[in-house]
Amino acid sequence: MVTAGCGGDDHALRVFAASSMTDFMGEILAGDNEGSVAHSAELNLAGSGTLLLQIDEGARADLVVLAGSDHMKHLMKSGDFLPPTEFAITYLSVIVSPTLKGQRLSVHDLWSEGFQGAMCIVSAPCGELAMKFGNSLSLDMKGLSREPNVRAVLAKVERGDVDFGLVYETDFLASRAGVGEIPGSEASNFSTAYSFAISKDAKAAARVKTLVDSITGEAGRRALSELGFKQP
């Protein structure tokens, strides 16, 4: 749980967001100059599957931002949320550690030359996408370590714990650790869409509306573009 403002308030604005939305949500909250949202928001960042599990177990969320249509369909089954709004798209990317950056490696080199890799767990949208990519190239994905979310994969590559990882293009662009990207990997043929849904019983309805207006308005569109997301 990453909290912006004061925690422990039953009427705090509780936002559950996919970990790959970390920078975007941070920018949106930082841009709240009046402080009507940022000072009372509790931002819970985790893999989309983990967020759903928390909600299924009774956690309250006023606004939920998820990656992948299947996860949002699961959320809708509860009947507790208003119909979702799709607002962003990102693409898969194959990245390498800083020590491998600059080397002329292909995706098949990563597999055939014994490099160690990481990907998200298959239940996460980034893991599902990675498997589709791997299957399209007949790659054996069994040897890759499985991480709970895409930011965990990125961190392992940044630290050099693994040689390469499958993350989103937007996570690669967000990295400041000198990781590289494999060109021509065809990973960009695989995309994930993001959508948000508002609780029917939102405890901070006015602040939810303010936040949603920021996400869908000019500030949100600008932040998405700067971070490398595409818009539907």
C-alpha atoms as a PDB file:
ATOM      1  CA  MET A   1       0.000   0.000   0.000  1.00  0.00           C
ATOM      2  CA  VAL A   2       1.367   3.390  -1.021  1.00  0.00           C
ATOM      3  CA  THR A   3      -0.481   6.134   0.791  1.00  0.00           C
ATOM      4  CA  ALA A   4      -0.733   9.735  -0.351  1.00  0.00           C
ATOM      5  CA  GLY A   5      -2.054  11.819   2.501  1.00  0.00           C
ATOM      6  CA  CYS A   6      -3.441  10.580   5.781  1.00  0.00           C
ATOM      7  CA  GLY A   7      -4.184   6.870   6.154  1.00  0.00           C
ATOM      8  CA  GLY A   8      -6.609   5.127   8.431  1.00  0.00           C
ATOM      9  CA  ASP A   9      -9.564   7.346   7.415  1.00  0.00           C
ATOM     10  CA  ASP A  10     -12.739   5.365   6.626  1.00  0.00           C
ATOM     11  CA  HIS A  11     -13.678   8.124   4.180  1.00  0.00           C
ATOM     12  CA  ALA A  12     -10.303   8.297   2.457  1.00  0.00           C
ATOM     13  CA  LEU A  13     -10.324   7.928  -1.316  1.00  0.00           C
ATOM     14  CA  ARG A  14      -9.120   4.364  -1.854  1.00  0.00           C
ATOM     15  CA  VAL A  15      -7.601   3.765  -5.268  1.00  0.00           C
ATOM     16  CA  PHE A  16      -6.454   0.311  -6.342  1.00  0.00           C
ATOM     17  CA  ALA A  17      -4.189   0.474  -9.401  1.00  0.00           C
ATOM     18  CA  ALA A  18      -2.125  -1.973 -11.433  1.00  0.00           C
ATOM     19  CA  SER A  19       1.592  -1.655 -10.684  1.00  0.00           C
ATOM     20  CA  SER A  20       2.328  -0.666 -14.290  1.00  0.00           C
ATOM     21  CA  MET A  21       0.217   2.444 -13.632  1.00  0.00           C
ATOM     22  CA  THR A  22       2.545   3.555 -10.809  1.00  0.00           C
ATOM     23  CA  ASP A  23       4.065   6.548 -12.595  1.00  0.00           C
ATOM     24  CA  PHE A  24       0.824   7.643 -14.212  1.00  0.00           C
ATOM     25  CA  MET A  25      -1.156   7.639 -10.969  1.00  0.00           C
ATOM     26  CA  GLY A  26       1.743   9.407  -9.260  1.00  0.00           C
ATOM     27  CA  GLU A  27       1.661  12.184 -11.847  1.00  0.00           C
ATOM     28  CA  ILE A  28      -2.103  12.532 -11.642  1.00  0.00           C
ATOM     29  CA  LEU A  29      -2.037  12.875  -7.858  1.00  0.00           C
ATOM     30  CA  ALA A  30       0.980  15.198  -7.974  1.00  0.00           C
ATOM     31  CA  GLY A  31      -0.909  17.434 -10.397  1.00  0.00           C
ATOM     32  CA  ASP A  32      -3.764  17.924  -7.939  1.00  0.00           C
ATOM     33  CA  ASN A  33      -2.765  21.472  -7.058  1.00  0.00           C
ATOM     34  CA  GLU A  34      -5.784  22.092  -4.856  1.00  0.00           C
ATOM     35  CA  GLY A  35      -5.074  18.955  -2.860  1.00  0.00           C
ATOM     36  CA  SER A  36      -8.708  17.869  -2.740  1.00  0.00           C
ATOM     37  CA  VAL A  37      -7.752  14.369  -3.879  1.00  0.00           C
ATOM     38  CA  ALA A  38      -4.047  13.891  -3.210  1.00  0.00           C
ATOM     39  CA  HIS A  39      -4.205  14.755   0.490  1.00  0.00           C
ATOM     40  CA  SER A  40      -6.842  12.116   1.208  1.00  0.00           C
ATOM     41  CA  ALA A  41      -5.962   9.361  -1.263  1.00  0.00           C
ATOM     42  CA  GLU A  42      -4.770   5.880  -0.355  1.00  0.00           C
ATOM     43  CA  LEU A  43      -3.097   4.387  -3.411  1.00  0.00           C
ATOM     44  CA  ASN A  44      -2.749   0.604  -3.411  1.00  0.00           C
ATOM     45  CA  LEU A  45      -0.368  -0.568  -6.159  1.00  0.00           C
ATOM     46  CA  ALA A  46      -0.092  -4.259  -7.038  1.00  0.00           C
ATOM     47  CA  GLY A  47      -0.564  -6.723  -9.861  1.00  0.00           C
ATOM     48  CA  SER A  48      -4.116  -6.712 -11.244  1.00  0.00           C
ATOM     49  CA  GLY A  49      -4.714 -10.273 -10.052  1.00  0.00           C
ATOM     50  CA  THR A  50      -3.555  -9.390  -6.544  1.00  0.00           C
ATOM     51  CA  LEU A  51      -5.872  -6.379  -6.452  1.00  0.00           C
ATOM     52  CA  LEU A  52      -8.828  -8.541  -7.468  1.00  0.00           C
ATOM     53  CA  LEU A  53      -7.973 -11.063  -4.771  1.00  0.00           C
ATOM     54  CA  GLN A  54      -7.908  -8.295  -2.156  1.00  0.00           C
ATOM     55  CA  ILE A  55     -11.298  -7.014  -3.318  1.00  0.00           C
ATOM     56  CA  ASP A  56     -12.742 -10.542  -3.375  1.00  0.00           C
ATOM     57  CA  GLU A  57     -11.575 -10.916   0.228  1.00  0.00           C
ATOM     58  CA  GLY A  58     -13.421  -7.770   1.285  1.00  0.00           C
ATOM     59  CA  ALA A  59     -11.034  -4.853   0.735  1.00  0.00           C
ATOM     60  CA  ARG A  60     -12.838  -1.623  -0.095  1.00  0.00           C
ATOM     61  CA  ALA A  61     -11.891   0.340  -3.191  1.00  0.00           C
ATOM     62  CA  ASP A  62     -13.560   3.480  -4.534  1.00  0.00           C
ATOM     63  CA  LEU A  63     -11.749   3.378  -7.861  1.00  0.00           C
ATOM     64  CA  VAL A  64     -10.037   0.381  -9.457  1.00  0.00           C
ATOM     65  CA  VAL A  65      -7.581   0.660 -12.359  1.00  0.00           C
ATOM     66  CA  LEU A  66      -6.737  -2.686 -13.943  1.00  0.00           C
ATOM     67  CA  ALA A  67      -4.696  -4.040 -16.821  1.00  0.00           C
ATOM     68  CA  GLY A  68      -6.356  -6.548 -19.128  1.00  0.00           C
ATOM     69  CA  SER A  69      -9.992  -7.014 -20.088  1.00  0.00           C
ATOM     70  CA  ASP A  70     -10.318 -10.404 -18.348  1.00  0.00           C
ATOM     71  CA  HIS A  71      -9.476  -8.912 -14.960  1.00  0.00           C
ATOM     72  CA  MET A  72     -12.003  -6.126 -15.415  1.00  0.00           C
ATOM     73  CA  LYS A  73     -14.669  -8.661 -16.442  1.00  0.00           C
ATOM     74  CA  HIS A  74     -13.941 -10.505 -13.188  1.00  0.00           C
ATOM     75  CA  LEU A  75     -14.415  -7.280 -11.229  1.00  0.00           C
ATOM     76  CA  MET A  76     -17.738  -6.599 -12.979  1.00  0.00           C
ATOM     77  CA  LYS A  77     -19.112  -9.983 -11.892  1.00  0.00           C
ATOM     78  CA  SER A  78     -19.370  -8.689  -8.321  1.00  0.00           C
ATOM     79  CA  GLY A  79     -22.006  -6.156  -9.357  1.00  0.00           C
ATOM     80  CA  ASP A  80     -20.400  -3.613  -7.037  1.00  0.00           C
ATOM     81  CA  PHE A  81     -18.874  -1.373  -9.700  1.00  0.00           C
ATOM     82  CA  LEU A  82     -20.152   0.858 -12.485  1.00  0.00           C
ATOM     83  CA  PRO A  83     -19.327  -0.104 -16.098  1.00  0.00           C
ATOM     84  CA  PRO A  84     -15.609   0.353 -16.843  1.00  0.00           C
ATOM     85  CA  THR A  85     -13.924   2.961 -19.009  1.00  0.00           C
ATOM     86  CA  GLU A  86     -10.914   2.020 -21.139  1.00  0.00           C
ATOM     87  CA  PHE A  87      -8.360   4.812 -21.231  1.00  0.00           C
ATOM     88  CA  ALA A  88      -4.849   3.557 -22.073  1.00  0.00           C
ATOM     89  CA  ILE A  89      -2.903   0.926 -24.014  1.00  0.00           C
ATOM     90  CA  THR A  90       0.672  -0.309 -23.699  1.00  0.00           C
ATOM     91  CA  TYR A  91       2.766  -2.890 -25.531  1.00  0.00           C
ATOM     92  CA  LEU A  92       5.100  -5.712 -24.603  1.00  0.00           C
ATOM     93  CA  SER A  93       8.868  -5.198 -24.660  1.00  0.00           C
ATOM     94  CA  VAL A  94      11.896  -7.453 -24.216  1.00  0.00           C
ATOM     95  CA  ILE A  95      14.554  -5.700 -22.154  1.00  0.00           C
ATOM     96  CA  VAL A  96      18.089  -6.631 -21.118  1.00  0.00           C
ATOM     97  CA  SER A  97      20.225  -5.732 -18.103  1.00  0.00           C
ATOM     98  CA  PRO A  98      22.579  -2.739 -18.207  1.00  0.00           C
ATOM     99  CA  THR A  99      25.563  -5.078 -18.702  1.00  0.00           C
ATOM    100  CA  LEU A 100      24.019  -6.483 -21.889  1.00  0.00           C
ATOM    101  CA  LYS A 101      22.813  -3.166 -23.237  1.00  0.00           C
ATOM    102  CA  GLY A 102      24.507  -2.380 -26.538  1.00  0.00           C
ATOM    103  CA  GLN A 103      25.233  -5.975 -27.425  1.00  0.00           C
ATOM    104  CA  ARG A 104      23.711  -7.112 -30.696  1.00  0.00           C
ATOM    105  CA  LEU A 105      21.375  -9.770 -29.360  1.00  0.00           C
ATOM    106  CA  SER A 106      18.149 -11.130 -30.786  1.00  0.00           C
ATOM    107  CA  VAL A 107      15.311 -12.727 -28.849  1.00  0.00           C
ATOM    108  CA  HIS A 108      16.429 -16.154 -30.039  1.00  0.00           C
ATOM    109  CA  ASP A 109      19.966 -15.404 -28.801  1.00  0.00           C
ATOM    110  CA  LEU A 110      18.574 -14.852 -25.305  1.00  0.00           C
ATOM    111  CA  TRP A 111      17.081 -18.329 -25.308  1.00  0.00           C
ATOM    112  CA  SER A 112      19.769 -20.229 -27.211  1.00  0.00           C
ATOM    113  CA  GLU A 113      22.792 -18.800 -25.380  1.00  0.00           C
ATOM    114  CA  GLY A 114      21.660 -19.641 -21.871  1.00  0.00           C
ATOM    115  CA  PHE A 115      20.744 -16.193 -20.574  1.00  0.00           C
ATOM    116  CA  GLN A 116      18.468 -16.004 -17.529  1.00  0.00           C
ATOM    117  CA  GLY A 117      15.126 -14.264 -17.888  1.00  0.00           C
ATOM    118  CA  ALA A 118      12.070 -13.169 -15.917  1.00  0.00           C
ATOM    119  CA  MET A 119       8.415 -12.604 -16.658  1.00  0.00           C
ATOM    120  CA  CYS A 120       5.214 -11.975 -14.712  1.00  0.00           C
ATOM    121  CA  ILE A 121       3.184 -14.821 -13.309  1.00  0.00           C
ATOM    122  CA  VAL A 122       0.738 -16.064 -15.935  1.00  0.00           C
ATOM    123  CA  SER A 123      -2.276 -14.889 -13.924  1.00  0.00           C
ATOM    124  CA  ALA A 124      -1.055 -11.304 -14.348  1.00  0.00           C
ATOM    125  CA  PRO A 125      -1.871  -9.531 -17.641  1.00  0.00           C
ATOM    126  CA  CYS A 126       1.842  -9.003 -18.382  1.00  0.00           C
ATOM    127  CA  GLY A 127       2.448 -12.727 -17.855  1.00  0.00           C
ATOM    128  CA  GLU A 128      -0.435 -13.733 -20.093  1.00  0.00           C
ATOM    129  CA  LEU A 129       0.905 -11.410 -22.784  1.00  0.00           C
ATOM    130  CA  ALA A 130       4.430 -12.787 -22.385  1.00  0.00           C
ATOM    131  CA  MET A 131       3.137 -16.321 -22.896  1.00  0.00           C
ATOM    132  CA  LYS A 132       1.316 -15.334 -26.067  1.00  0.00           C
ATOM    133  CA  PHE A 133       4.513 -13.735 -27.353  1.00  0.00           C
ATOM    134  CA  GLY A 134       6.590 -16.772 -26.436  1.00  0.00           C
ATOM    135  CA  ASN A 135       4.151 -19.139 -28.101  1.00  0.00           C
ATOM    136  CA  SER A 136       4.177 -17.053 -31.271  1.00  0.00           C
ATOM    137  CA  LEU A 137       7.946 -17.636 -31.555  1.00  0.00           C
ATOM    138  CA  SER A 138       7.929 -21.203 -30.172  1.00  0.00           C
ATOM    139  CA  LEU A 139      10.041 -20.129 -27.188  1.00  0.00           C
ATOM    140  CA  ASP A 140      10.320 -22.334 -24.102  1.00  0.00           C
ATOM    141  CA  MET A 141       9.113 -20.111 -21.275  1.00  0.00           C
ATOM    142  CA  LYS A 142       9.549 -22.685 -18.499  1.00  0.00           C
ATOM    143  CA  GLY A 143      13.023 -21.498 -17.507  1.00  0.00           C
ATOM    144  CA  LEU A 144      12.006 -17.892 -16.834  1.00  0.00           C
ATOM    145  CA  SER A 145      11.479 -16.836 -13.237  1.00  0.00           C
ATOM    146  CA  ARG A 146       7.925 -15.752 -12.399  1.00  0.00           C
ATOM    147  CA  GLU A 147       7.405 -12.415 -10.656  1.00  0.00           C
ATOM    148  CA  PRO A 148       4.182 -11.062  -9.072  1.00  0.00           C
ATOM    149  CA  ASN A 149       3.959  -7.970 -11.278  1.00  0.00           C
ATOM    150  CA  VAL A 150       5.708  -6.148 -14.088  1.00  0.00           C
ATOM    151  CA  ARG A 151       7.587  -3.727 -11.835  1.00  0.00           C
ATOM    152  CA  ALA A 152       9.117  -6.704 -10.021  1.00  0.00           C
ATOM    153  CA  VAL A 153      10.358  -8.035 -13.377  1.00  0.00           C
ATOM    154  CA  LEU A 154      11.780  -4.625 -14.256  1.00  0.00           C
ATOM    155  CA  ALA A 155      13.582  -4.401 -10.898  1.00  0.00           C
ATOM    156  CA  LYS A 156      15.257  -7.797 -11.380  1.00  0.00           C
ATOM    157  CA  VAL A 157      16.567  -6.757 -14.792  1.00  0.00           C
ATOM    158  CA  GLU A 158      17.720  -3.371 -13.499  1.00  0.00           C
ATOM    159  CA  ARG A 159      19.689  -5.014 -10.689  1.00  0.00           C
ATOM    160  CA  GLY A 160      21.158  -7.622 -13.013  1.00  0.00           C
ATOM    161  CA  ASP A 161      19.546 -10.475 -11.072  1.00  0.00           C
ATOM    162  CA  VAL A 162      18.456 -11.755 -14.497  1.00  0.00           C
ATOM    163  CA  ASP A 163      19.784 -10.991 -17.955  1.00  0.00           C
ATOM    164  CA  PHE A 164      16.482 -10.112 -19.587  1.00  0.00           C
ATOM    165  CA  GLY A 165      12.803  -9.663 -18.876  1.00  0.00           C
ATOM    166  CA  LEU A 166       9.447  -9.236 -20.547  1.00  0.00           C
ATOM    167  CA  VAL A 167       7.834  -6.008 -19.414  1.00  0.00           C
ATOM    168  CA  TYR A 168       5.673  -3.297 -20.895  1.00  0.00           C
ATOM    169  CA  GLU A 169       7.191  -0.693 -23.192  1.00  0.00           C
ATOM    170  CA  THR A 170       6.058   1.971 -20.732  1.00  0.00           C
ATOM    171  CA  ASP A 171       7.999   0.290 -17.910  1.00  0.00           C
ATOM    172  CA  PHE A 172      11.108   0.216 -20.082  1.00  0.00           C
ATOM    173  CA  LEU A 173      10.678   3.936 -20.800  1.00  0.00           C
ATOM    174  CA  ALA A 174      10.205   4.625 -17.077  1.00  0.00           C
ATOM    175  CA  SER A 175      13.459   2.909 -16.103  1.00  0.00           C
ATOM    176  CA  ARG A 176      16.441   5.084 -15.207  1.00  0.00           C
ATOM    177  CA  ALA A 177      18.806   2.165 -14.592  1.00  0.00           C
ATOM    178  CA  GLY A 178      20.276   1.895 -18.080  1.00  0.00           C
ATOM    179  CA  VAL A 179      18.461  -1.209 -19.255  1.00  0.00           C
ATOM    180  CA  GLY A 180      18.340  -1.922 -22.976  1.00  0.00           C
ATOM    181  CA  GLU A 181      15.612  -3.070 -25.329  1.00  0.00           C
ATOM    182  CA  ILE A 182      15.844  -5.841 -27.919  1.00  0.00           C
ATOM    183  CA  PRO A 183      14.951  -4.307 -31.296  1.00  0.00           C
ATOM    184  CA  GLY A 184      12.788  -6.128 -33.797  1.00  0.00           C
ATOM    185  CA  SER A 185      11.520  -8.661 -31.279  1.00  0.00           C
ATOM    186  CA  GLU A 186       7.901  -8.427 -32.494  1.00  0.00           C
ATOM    187  CA  ALA A 187       6.889  -8.009 -28.850  1.00  0.00           C
ATOM    188  CA  SER A 188       5.131  -4.765 -29.755  1.00  0.00           C
ATOM    189  CA  ASN A 189       2.542  -6.835 -31.618  1.00  0.00           C
ATOM    190  CA  PHE A 190       1.107  -7.720 -28.203  1.00  0.00           C
ATOM    191  CA  SER A 191      -0.764  -5.106 -26.188  1.00  0.00           C
ATOM    192  CA  THR A 192      -2.642  -4.655 -22.929  1.00  0.00           C
ATOM    193  CA  ALA A 193      -5.468  -2.186 -22.371  1.00  0.00           C
ATOM    194  CA  TYR A 194      -6.180  -0.389 -19.094  1.00  0.00           C
ATOM    195  CA  SER A 195      -9.579   0.520 -17.756  1.00  0.00           C
ATOM    196  CA  PHE A 196     -11.000   1.917 -14.544  1.00  0.00           C
ATOM    197  CA  ALA A 197     -14.230   1.283 -12.681  1.00  0.00           C
ATOM    198  CA  ILE A 198     -15.922   3.272  -9.919  1.00  0.00           C
ATOM    199  CA  SER A 199     -17.545   1.615  -6.936  1.00  0.00           C
ATOM    200  CA  LYS A 200     -21.327   1.997  -6.771  1.00  0.00           C
ATOM    201  CA  ASP A 201     -20.863   2.637  -3.056  1.00  0.00           C
ATOM    202  CA  ALA A 202     -17.913   5.019  -3.272  1.00  0.00           C
ATOM    203  CA  LYS A 203     -17.363   6.671   0.124  1.00  0.00           C
ATOM    204  CA  ALA A 204     -15.747   9.716  -1.448  1.00  0.00           C
ATOM    205  CA  ALA A 205     -17.896  10.219  -4.541  1.00  0.00           C
ATOM    206  CA  ALA A 206     -16.974  13.853  -5.185  1.00  0.00           C
ATOM    207  CA  ARG A 207     -13.245  13.131  -4.932  1.00  0.00           C
ATOM    208  CA  VAL A 208     -13.622  10.060  -7.158  1.00  0.00           C
ATOM    209  CA  LYS A 209     -15.220  12.250  -9.823  1.00  0.00           C
ATOM    210  CA  THR A 210     -12.389  14.775  -9.517  1.00  0.00           C
ATOM    211  CA  LEU A 211      -9.794  12.039  -9.933  1.00  0.00           C
ATOM    212  CA  VAL A 212     -11.615  10.457 -12.888  1.00  0.00           C
ATOM    213  CA  ASP A 213     -11.872  13.855 -14.563  1.00  0.00           C
ATOM    214  CA  SER A 214      -8.098  14.203 -14.189  1.00  0.00           C
ATOM    215  CA  ILE A 215      -7.480  10.749 -15.637  1.00  0.00           C
ATOM    216  CA  THR A 216      -9.702  11.286 -18.670  1.00  0.00           C
ATOM    217  CA  GLY A 217      -9.046  14.998 -19.139  1.00  0.00           C
ATOM    218  CA  GLU A 218      -6.180  16.991 -20.602  1.00  0.00           C
ATOM    219  CA  ALA A 219      -3.842  16.297 -17.671  1.00  0.00           C
ATOM    220  CA  GLY A 220      -4.380  12.567 -17.993  1.00  0.00           C
ATOM    221  CA  ARG A 221      -3.943  12.528 -21.760  1.00  0.00           C
ATOM    222  CA  ARG A 222      -0.745  14.527 -21.462  1.00  0.00           C
ATOM    223  CA  ALA A 223       0.664  12.260 -18.755  1.00  0.00           C
ATOM    224  CA  LEU A 224      -0.194   9.135 -20.745  1.00  0.00           C
ATOM    225  CA  SER A 225       1.562  10.503 -23.812  1.00  0.00           C
ATOM    226  CA  GLU A 226       4.657  11.531 -21.864  1.00  0.00           C
ATOM    227  CA  LEU A 227       4.909   8.069 -20.285  1.00  0.00           C
ATOM    228  CA  GLY A 228       4.567   6.285 -23.626  1.00  0.00           C
ATOM    229  CA  PHE A 229       1.007   5.000 -23.322  1.00  0.00           C
ATOM    230  CA  LYS A 230      -1.320   5.055 -26.296  1.00  0.00           C
ATOM    231  CA  GLN A 231      -4.962   6.034 -26.011  1.00  0.00           C
ATOM    232  CA  PRO A 232      -7.890   4.036 -27.407  1.00  0.00           C
END
